[in-house]
Amino acid sequence: MRYAGHDFAAPRRRDDSGWAAVAAVLGAGLRYDGFEPCGCSREPKFRPRTRAQVRARRRVARRVGASEAEALSARDPSDVG
């Protein structure tokens, strides 16, 4: 079991796409944390919610030579790099 961060909200049990996105985010070394350590005072940072969002960000990261963590934390895939 792994700590995913203060702001982690688990996808539904049968949401395979959501769980694949969670695995990609945690595999890239990111967590679901906001700007404050307690997770209570600001909005959480963006993390992809579906496989399609993960694929789009990875595709752009390969094209521009950015890291996977940087790509997965970008709200818009065009902001990578």
PDB file of N, CA and C in Angstrom:
ATOM      1  N   MET A   1       0.842  -1.168   0.000  1.00  0.00           N
ATOM      2  CA  MET A   1       0.000   0.000   0.000  1.00  0.00           C
ATOM      3  C   MET A   1       0.894   1.239   0.000  1.00  0.00           C
ATOM      4  N   ARG A   2       0.434   2.259  -0.693  1.00  0.00           N
ATOM      5  CA  ARG A   2       1.215   3.471  -0.855  1.00  0.00           C
ATOM      6  C   ARG A   2       0.420   4.691  -0.439  1.00  0.00           C
ATOM      7  N   TYR A   3       1.077   5.667   0.155  1.00  0.00           N
ATOM      8  CA  TYR A   3       0.418   6.916   0.524  1.00  0.00           C
ATOM      9  C   TYR A   3       0.291   7.770  -0.724  1.00  0.00           C
ATOM     10  N   ALA A   4      -0.931   8.158  -1.078  1.00  0.00           N
ATOM     11  CA  ALA A   4      -1.175   8.907  -2.308  1.00  0.00           C
ATOM     12  C   ALA A   4      -1.300  10.404  -2.068  1.00  0.00           C
ATOM     13  N   GLY A   5      -1.398  10.849  -0.843  1.00  0.00           N
ATOM     14  CA  GLY A   5      -1.479  12.277  -0.543  1.00  0.00           C
ATOM     15  C   GLY A   5      -2.784  12.643   0.141  1.00  0.00           C
ATOM     16  N   HIS A   6      -2.793  13.840   0.727  1.00  0.00           N
ATOM     17  CA  HIS A   6      -3.954  14.322   1.476  1.00  0.00           C
ATOM     18  C   HIS A   6      -5.200  14.466   0.609  1.00  0.00           C
ATOM     19  N   ASP A   7      -5.034  14.857  -0.629  1.00  0.00           N
ATOM     20  CA  ASP A   7      -6.165  15.185  -1.488  1.00  0.00           C
ATOM     21  C   ASP A   7      -6.568  14.047  -2.420  1.00  0.00           C
ATOM     22  N   PHE A   8      -6.132  12.838  -2.138  1.00  0.00           N
ATOM     23  CA  PHE A   8      -6.469  11.694  -2.987  1.00  0.00           C
ATOM     24  C   PHE A   8      -7.930  11.307  -2.791  1.00  0.00           C
ATOM     25  N   ALA A   9      -8.631  11.158  -3.900  1.00  0.00           N
ATOM     26  CA  ALA A   9     -10.004  10.652  -3.892  1.00  0.00           C
ATOM     27  C   ALA A   9     -10.019   9.434  -4.810  1.00  0.00           C
ATOM     28  N   ALA A  10     -10.238   8.286  -4.246  1.00  0.00           N
ATOM     29  CA  ALA A  10     -10.179   7.044  -5.013  1.00  0.00           C
ATOM     30  C   ALA A  10     -11.293   6.984  -6.051  1.00  0.00           C
ATOM     31  N   PRO A  11     -10.967   6.493  -7.252  1.00  0.00           N
ATOM     32  CA  PRO A  11     -12.024   6.266  -8.251  1.00  0.00           C
ATOM     33  C   PRO A  11     -12.942   5.134  -7.788  1.00  0.00           C
ATOM     34  N   ARG A  12     -14.067   5.007  -8.445  1.00  0.00           N
ATOM     35  CA  ARG A  12     -14.958   3.888  -8.124  1.00  0.00           C
ATOM     36  C   ARG A  12     -14.230   2.573  -8.352  1.00  0.00           C
ATOM     37  N   ARG A  13     -14.653   1.561  -7.655  1.00  0.00           N
ATOM     38  CA  ARG A  13     -13.969   0.268  -7.677  1.00  0.00           C
ATOM     39  C   ARG A  13     -13.812  -0.298  -9.092  1.00  0.00           C
ATOM     40  N   ARG A  14     -14.807  -0.146  -9.936  1.00  0.00           N
ATOM     41  CA  ARG A  14     -14.772  -0.735 -11.277  1.00  0.00           C
ATOM     42  C   ARG A  14     -14.310   0.233 -12.359  1.00  0.00           C
ATOM     43  N   ASP A  15     -13.812   1.369 -11.974  1.00  0.00           N
ATOM     44  CA  ASP A  15     -13.327   2.361 -12.935  1.00  0.00           C
ATOM     45  C   ASP A  15     -11.878   2.044 -13.294  1.00  0.00           C
ATOM     46  N   ASP A  16     -11.698   1.143 -14.251  1.00  0.00           N
ATOM     47  CA  ASP A  16     -10.355   0.705 -14.633  1.00  0.00           C
ATOM     48  C   ASP A  16      -9.521   1.854 -15.188  1.00  0.00           C
ATOM     49  N   SER A  17     -10.133   2.732 -15.957  1.00  0.00           N
ATOM     50  CA  SER A  17      -9.426   3.869 -16.524  1.00  0.00           C
ATOM     51  C   SER A  17      -8.930   4.808 -15.423  1.00  0.00           C
ATOM     52  N   GLY A  18      -9.758   5.034 -14.424  1.00  0.00           N
ATOM     53  CA  GLY A  18      -9.368   5.884 -13.300  1.00  0.00           C
ATOM     54  C   GLY A  18      -8.226   5.291 -12.497  1.00  0.00           C
ATOM     55  N   TRP A  19      -8.295   3.994 -12.249  1.00  0.00           N
ATOM     56  CA  TRP A  19      -7.224   3.344 -11.500  1.00  0.00           C
ATOM     57  C   TRP A  19      -5.926   3.294 -12.298  1.00  0.00           C
ATOM     58  N   ALA A  20      -6.011   3.171 -13.616  1.00  0.00           N
ATOM     59  CA  ALA A  20      -4.803   3.207 -14.444  1.00  0.00           C
ATOM     60  C   ALA A  20      -4.155   4.586 -14.370  1.00  0.00           C
ATOM     61  N   ALA A  21      -4.966   5.635 -14.325  1.00  0.00           N
ATOM     62  CA  ALA A  21      -4.427   6.993 -14.194  1.00  0.00           C
ATOM     63  C   ALA A  21      -3.758   7.174 -12.829  1.00  0.00           C
ATOM     64  N   VAL A  22      -4.369   6.642 -11.781  1.00  0.00           N
ATOM     65  CA  VAL A  22      -3.770   6.717 -10.440  1.00  0.00           C
ATOM     66  C   VAL A  22      -2.426   5.999 -10.434  1.00  0.00           C
ATOM     67  N   ALA A  23      -2.361   4.824 -11.045  1.00  0.00           N
ATOM     68  CA  ALA A  23      -1.104   4.065 -11.102  1.00  0.00           C
ATOM     69  C   ALA A  23      -0.034   4.838 -11.859  1.00  0.00           C
ATOM     70  N   ALA A  24      -0.412   5.514 -12.944  1.00  0.00           N
ATOM     71  CA  ALA A  24       0.550   6.295 -13.718  1.00  0.00           C
ATOM     72  C   ALA A  24       1.074   7.474 -12.902  1.00  0.00           C
ATOM     73  N   VAL A  25       0.186   8.150 -12.196  1.00  0.00           N
ATOM     74  CA  VAL A  25       0.585   9.308 -11.381  1.00  0.00           C
ATOM     75  C   VAL A  25       1.531   8.873 -10.271  1.00  0.00           C
ATOM     76  N   LEU A  26       1.174   7.836  -9.545  1.00  0.00           N
ATOM     77  CA  LEU A  26       2.032   7.365  -8.453  1.00  0.00           C
ATOM     78  C   LEU A  26       3.333   6.777  -8.990  1.00  0.00           C
ATOM     79  N   GLY A  27       3.268   6.116 -10.135  1.00  0.00           N
ATOM     80  CA  GLY A  27       4.469   5.558 -10.758  1.00  0.00           C
ATOM     81  C   GLY A  27       5.452   6.624 -11.210  1.00  0.00           C
ATOM     82  N   ALA A  28       4.941   7.807 -11.525  1.00  0.00           N
ATOM     83  CA  ALA A  28       5.803   8.916 -11.928  1.00  0.00           C
ATOM     84  C   ALA A  28       6.391   9.647 -10.722  1.00  0.00           C
ATOM     85  N   GLY A  29       6.021   9.207  -9.523  1.00  0.00           N
ATOM     86  CA  GLY A  29       6.559   9.831  -8.316  1.00  0.00           C
ATOM     87  C   GLY A  29       5.757  11.024  -7.842  1.00  0.00           C
ATOM     88  N   LEU A  30       4.563  11.219  -8.367  1.00  0.00           N
ATOM     89  CA  LEU A  30       3.708  12.327  -7.945  1.00  0.00           C
ATOM     90  C   LEU A  30       2.731  11.843  -6.886  1.00  0.00           C
ATOM     91  N   ARG A  31       2.160  12.798  -6.159  1.00  0.00           N
ATOM     92  CA  ARG A  31       1.123  12.482  -5.188  1.00  0.00           C
ATOM     93  C   ARG A  31      -0.039  13.448  -5.386  1.00  0.00           C
ATOM     94  N   TYR A  32      -1.118  13.163  -4.736  1.00  0.00           N
ATOM     95  CA  TYR A  32      -2.311  13.995  -4.804  1.00  0.00           C
ATOM     96  C   TYR A  32      -2.313  14.947  -3.609  1.00  0.00           C
ATOM     97  N   ASP A  33      -1.455  15.941  -3.650  1.00  0.00           N
ATOM     98  CA  ASP A  33      -1.362  16.927  -2.583  1.00  0.00           C
ATOM     99  C   ASP A  33      -1.658  18.302  -3.124  1.00  0.00           C
ATOM    100  N   GLY A  34      -2.255  19.130  -2.299  1.00  0.00           N
ATOM    101  CA  GLY A  34      -2.465  20.528  -2.644  1.00  0.00           C
ATOM    102  C   GLY A  34      -1.192  21.305  -2.369  1.00  0.00           C
ATOM    103  N   PHE A  35      -1.332  22.600  -2.223  1.00  0.00           N
ATOM    104  CA  PHE A  35      -0.169  23.450  -1.996  1.00  0.00           C
ATOM    105  C   PHE A  35       0.244  23.484  -0.529  1.00  0.00           C
ATOM    106  N   GLU A  36      -0.666  23.165   0.365  1.00  0.00           N
ATOM    107  CA  GLU A  36      -0.375  23.169   1.793  1.00  0.00           C
ATOM    108  C   GLU A  36      -0.129  21.738   2.270  1.00  0.00           C
ATOM    109  N   PRO A  37       0.775  21.525   3.219  1.00  0.00           N
ATOM    110  CA  PRO A  37       1.064  20.172   3.688  1.00  0.00           C
ATOM    111  C   PRO A  37      -0.139  19.464   4.312  1.00  0.00           C
ATOM    112  N   CYS A  38      -1.053  20.220   4.881  1.00  0.00           N
ATOM    113  CA  CYS A  38      -2.203  19.575   5.526  1.00  0.00           C
ATOM    114  C   CYS A  38      -3.303  19.263   4.530  1.00  0.00           C
ATOM    115  N   GLY A  39      -3.256  19.835   3.336  1.00  0.00           N
ATOM    116  CA  GLY A  39      -4.264  19.573   2.327  1.00  0.00           C
ATOM    117  C   GLY A  39      -5.582  20.267   2.582  1.00  0.00           C
ATOM    118  N   CYS A  40      -5.582  21.303   3.431  1.00  0.00           N
ATOM    119  CA  CYS A  40      -6.860  21.868   3.843  1.00  0.00           C
ATOM    120  C   CYS A  40      -7.152  23.280   3.327  1.00  0.00           C
ATOM    121  N   SER A  41      -6.186  24.018   2.845  1.00  0.00           N
ATOM    122  CA  SER A  41      -6.479  25.421   2.569  1.00  0.00           C
ATOM    123  C   SER A  41      -6.489  25.822   1.102  1.00  0.00           C
ATOM    124  N   ARG A  42      -6.017  25.002   0.198  1.00  0.00           N
ATOM    125  CA  ARG A  42      -6.012  25.363  -1.218  1.00  0.00           C
ATOM    126  C   ARG A  42      -6.453  24.197  -2.072  1.00  0.00           C
ATOM    127  N   GLU A  43      -6.785  24.491  -3.304  1.00  0.00           N
ATOM    128  CA  GLU A  43      -7.199  23.457  -4.251  1.00  0.00           C
ATOM    129  C   GLU A  43      -6.019  22.527  -4.553  1.00  0.00           C
ATOM    130  N   PRO A  44      -6.298  21.255  -4.762  1.00  0.00           N
ATOM    131  CA  PRO A  44      -5.222  20.323  -5.111  1.00  0.00           C
ATOM    132  C   PRO A  44      -4.683  20.597  -6.517  1.00  0.00           C
ATOM    133  N   LYS A  45      -3.469  20.193  -6.756  1.00  0.00           N
ATOM    134  CA  LYS A  45      -2.871  20.332  -8.078  1.00  0.00           C
ATOM    135  C   LYS A  45      -3.546  19.370  -9.051  1.00  0.00           C
ATOM    136  N   PHE A  46      -3.419  19.652 -10.334  1.00  0.00           N
ATOM    137  CA  PHE A  46      -4.052  18.805 -11.342  1.00  0.00           C
ATOM    138  C   PHE A  46      -3.377  17.452 -11.427  1.00  0.00           C
ATOM    139  N   ARG A  47      -4.166  16.416 -11.568  1.00  0.00           N
ATOM    140  CA  ARG A  47      -3.700  15.076 -11.877  1.00  0.00           C
ATOM    141  C   ARG A  47      -4.688  14.476 -12.876  1.00  0.00           C
ATOM    142  N   PRO A  48      -4.212  13.719 -13.875  1.00  0.00           N
ATOM    143  CA  PRO A  48      -5.124  13.124 -14.852  1.00  0.00           C
ATOM    144  C   PRO A  48      -6.071  12.127 -14.189  1.00  0.00           C
ATOM    145  N   ARG A  49      -7.278  11.995 -14.759  1.00  0.00           N
ATOM    146  CA  ARG A  49      -8.286  11.103 -14.198  1.00  0.00           C
ATOM    147  C   ARG A  49      -8.588   9.895 -15.079  1.00  0.00           C
ATOM    148  N   THR A  50      -8.131   9.910 -16.329  1.00  0.00           N
ATOM    149  CA  THR A  50      -8.438   8.809 -17.248  1.00  0.00           C
ATOM    150  C   THR A  50      -7.183   8.372 -18.000  1.00  0.00           C
ATOM    151  N   ARG A  51      -7.264   7.185 -18.605  1.00  0.00           N
ATOM    152  CA  ARG A  51      -6.150   6.705 -19.429  1.00  0.00           C
ATOM    153  C   ARG A  51      -5.899   7.634 -20.599  1.00  0.00           C
ATOM    154  N   ALA A  52      -6.963   8.180 -21.182  1.00  0.00           N
ATOM    155  CA  ALA A  52      -6.816   9.069 -22.334  1.00  0.00           C
ATOM    156  C   ALA A  52      -6.028  10.319 -21.966  1.00  0.00           C
ATOM    157  N   GLN A  53      -6.282  10.875 -20.792  1.00  0.00           N
ATOM    158  CA  GLN A  53      -5.522  12.047 -20.349  1.00  0.00           C
ATOM    159  C   GLN A  53      -4.059  11.689 -20.129  1.00  0.00           C
ATOM    160  N   VAL A  54      -3.794  10.523 -19.584  1.00  0.00           N
ATOM    161  CA  VAL A  54      -2.410  10.069 -19.371  1.00  0.00           C
ATOM    162  C   VAL A  54      -1.706   9.895 -20.720  1.00  0.00           C
ATOM    163  N   ARG A  55      -2.371   9.221 -21.673  1.00  0.00           N
ATOM    164  CA  ARG A  55      -1.769   8.996 -22.997  1.00  0.00           C
ATOM    165  C   ARG A  55      -1.460  10.313 -23.695  1.00  0.00           C
ATOM    166  N   ALA A  56      -2.373  11.274 -23.633  1.00  0.00           N
ATOM    167  CA  ALA A  56      -2.155  12.564 -24.304  1.00  0.00           C
ATOM    168  C   ALA A  56      -0.945  13.276 -23.718  1.00  0.00           C
ATOM    169  N   ARG A  57      -0.813  13.267 -22.421  1.00  0.00           N
ATOM    170  CA  ARG A  57       0.309  13.958 -21.784  1.00  0.00           C
ATOM    171  C   ARG A  57       1.630  13.236 -22.033  1.00  0.00           C
ATOM    172  N   ARG A  58       1.607  11.905 -22.051  1.00  0.00           N
ATOM    173  CA  ARG A  58       2.837  11.157 -22.349  1.00  0.00           C
ATOM    174  C   ARG A  58       3.279  11.387 -23.789  1.00  0.00           C
ATOM    175  N   ARG A  59       2.321  11.445 -24.692  1.00  0.00           N
ATOM    176  CA  ARG A  59       2.632  11.676 -26.108  1.00  0.00           C
ATOM    177  C   ARG A  59       3.313  13.027 -26.292  1.00  0.00           C
ATOM    178  N   VAL A  60       2.780  14.064 -25.663  1.00  0.00           N
ATOM    179  CA  VAL A  60       3.367  15.397 -25.770  1.00  0.00           C
ATOM    180  C   VAL A  60       4.735  15.432 -25.095  1.00  0.00           C
ATOM    181  N   ALA A  61       4.873  14.748 -23.953  1.00  0.00           N
ATOM    182  CA  ALA A  61       6.155  14.724 -23.245  1.00  0.00           C
ATOM    183  C   ALA A  61       7.247  14.101 -24.104  1.00  0.00           C
ATOM    184  N   ARG A  62       6.914  13.007 -24.801  1.00  0.00           N
ATOM    185  CA  ARG A  62       7.906  12.383 -25.691  1.00  0.00           C
ATOM    186  C   ARG A  62       8.282  13.332 -26.820  1.00  0.00           C
ATOM    187  N   ARG A  63       7.293  14.039 -27.342  1.00  0.00           N
ATOM    188  CA  ARG A  63       7.542  14.937 -28.466  1.00  0.00           C
ATOM    189  C   ARG A  63       8.457  16.101 -28.078  1.00  0.00           C
ATOM    190  N   VAL A  64       8.265  16.666 -26.890  1.00  0.00           N
ATOM    191  CA  VAL A  64       9.056  17.838 -26.498  1.00  0.00           C
ATOM    192  C   VAL A  64      10.227  17.487 -25.587  1.00  0.00           C
ATOM    193  N   GLY A  65      10.339  16.225 -25.166  1.00  0.00           N
ATOM    194  CA  GLY A  65      11.465  15.811 -24.328  1.00  0.00           C
ATOM    195  C   GLY A  65      11.304  16.175 -22.860  1.00  0.00           C
ATOM    196  N   ALA A  66      10.079  16.259 -22.379  1.00  0.00           N
ATOM    197  CA  ALA A  66       9.816  16.597 -20.975  1.00  0.00           C
ATOM    198  C   ALA A  66       9.734  15.312 -20.147  1.00  0.00           C
ATOM    199  N   SER A  67       9.848  15.448 -18.847  1.00  0.00           N
ATOM    200  CA  SER A  67       9.738  14.282 -17.968  1.00  0.00           C
ATOM    201  C   SER A  67       8.278  13.864 -17.837  1.00  0.00           C
ATOM    202  N   GLU A  68       8.074  12.616 -17.481  1.00  0.00           N
ATOM    203  CA  GLU A  68       6.712  12.107 -17.318  1.00  0.00           C
ATOM    204  C   GLU A  68       5.994  12.816 -16.170  1.00  0.00           C
ATOM    205  N   ALA A  69       6.710  13.086 -15.082  1.00  0.00           N
ATOM    206  CA  ALA A  69       6.096  13.776 -13.944  1.00  0.00           C
ATOM    207  C   ALA A  69       5.632  15.177 -14.340  1.00  0.00           C
ATOM    208  N   GLU A  70       6.444  15.876 -15.096  1.00  0.00           N
ATOM    209  CA  GLU A  70       6.070  17.218 -15.546  1.00  0.00           C
ATOM    210  C   GLU A  70       4.840  17.151 -16.445  1.00  0.00           C
ATOM    211  N   ALA A  71       4.797  16.167 -17.314  1.00  0.00           N
ATOM    212  CA  ALA A  71       3.673  16.021 -18.243  1.00  0.00           C
ATOM    213  C   ALA A  71       2.385  15.676 -17.514  1.00  0.00           C
ATOM    214  N   LEU A  72       2.466  14.777 -16.531  1.00  0.00           N
ATOM    215  CA  LEU A  72       1.259  14.360 -15.827  1.00  0.00           C
ATOM    216  C   LEU A  72       0.730  15.434 -14.889  1.00  0.00           C
ATOM    217  N   SER A  73       1.540  16.395 -14.528  1.00  0.00           N
ATOM    218  CA  SER A  73       1.069  17.454 -13.642  1.00  0.00           C
ATOM    219  C   SER A  73       0.568  18.678 -14.399  1.00  0.00           C
ATOM    220  N   ALA A  74       0.651  18.670 -15.731  1.00  0.00           N
ATOM    221  CA  ALA A  74       0.178  19.802 -16.536  1.00  0.00           C
ATOM    222  C   ALA A  74      -1.327  19.714 -16.736  1.00  0.00           C
ATOM    223  N   ARG A  75      -2.019  20.798 -16.472  1.00  0.00           N
ATOM    224  CA  ARG A  75      -3.470  20.830 -16.642  1.00  0.00           C
ATOM    225  C   ARG A  75      -3.855  20.636 -18.100  1.00  0.00           C
ATOM    226  N   ASP A  76      -3.104  21.246 -19.015  1.00  0.00           N
ATOM    227  CA  ASP A  76      -3.368  21.147 -20.447  1.00  0.00           C
ATOM    228  C   ASP A  76      -2.145  20.501 -21.102  1.00  0.00           C
ATOM    229  N   PRO A  77      -2.326  19.493 -21.946  1.00  0.00           N
ATOM    230  CA  PRO A  77      -1.167  18.835 -22.573  1.00  0.00           C
ATOM    231  C   PRO A  77      -0.284  19.804 -23.363  1.00  0.00           C
ATOM    232  N   SER A  78      -0.848  20.866 -23.892  1.00  0.00           N
ATOM    233  CA  SER A  78      -0.036  21.825 -24.655  1.00  0.00           C
ATOM    234  C   SER A  78       0.877  22.656 -23.758  1.00  0.00           C
ATOM    235  N   ASP A  79       0.664  22.612 -22.434  1.00  0.00           N
ATOM    236  CA  ASP A  79       1.517  23.360 -21.487  1.00  0.00           C
ATOM    237  C   ASP A  79       2.789  22.604 -21.126  1.00  0.00           C
ATOM    238  N   VAL A  80       2.929  21.373 -21.582  1.00  0.00           N
ATOM    239  CA  VAL A  80       4.099  20.549 -21.254  1.00  0.00           C
ATOM    240  C   VAL A  80       5.303  21.094 -21.996  1.00  0.00           C
ATOM    241  N   GLY A  81       6.404  21.190 -21.268  1.00  0.00           N
ATOM    242  CA  GLY A  81       7.659  21.565 -21.904  1.00  0.00           C
ATOM    243  C   GLY A  81       8.004  22.932 -21.816  1.00  0.00           C
TER     244      GLY A  81
END
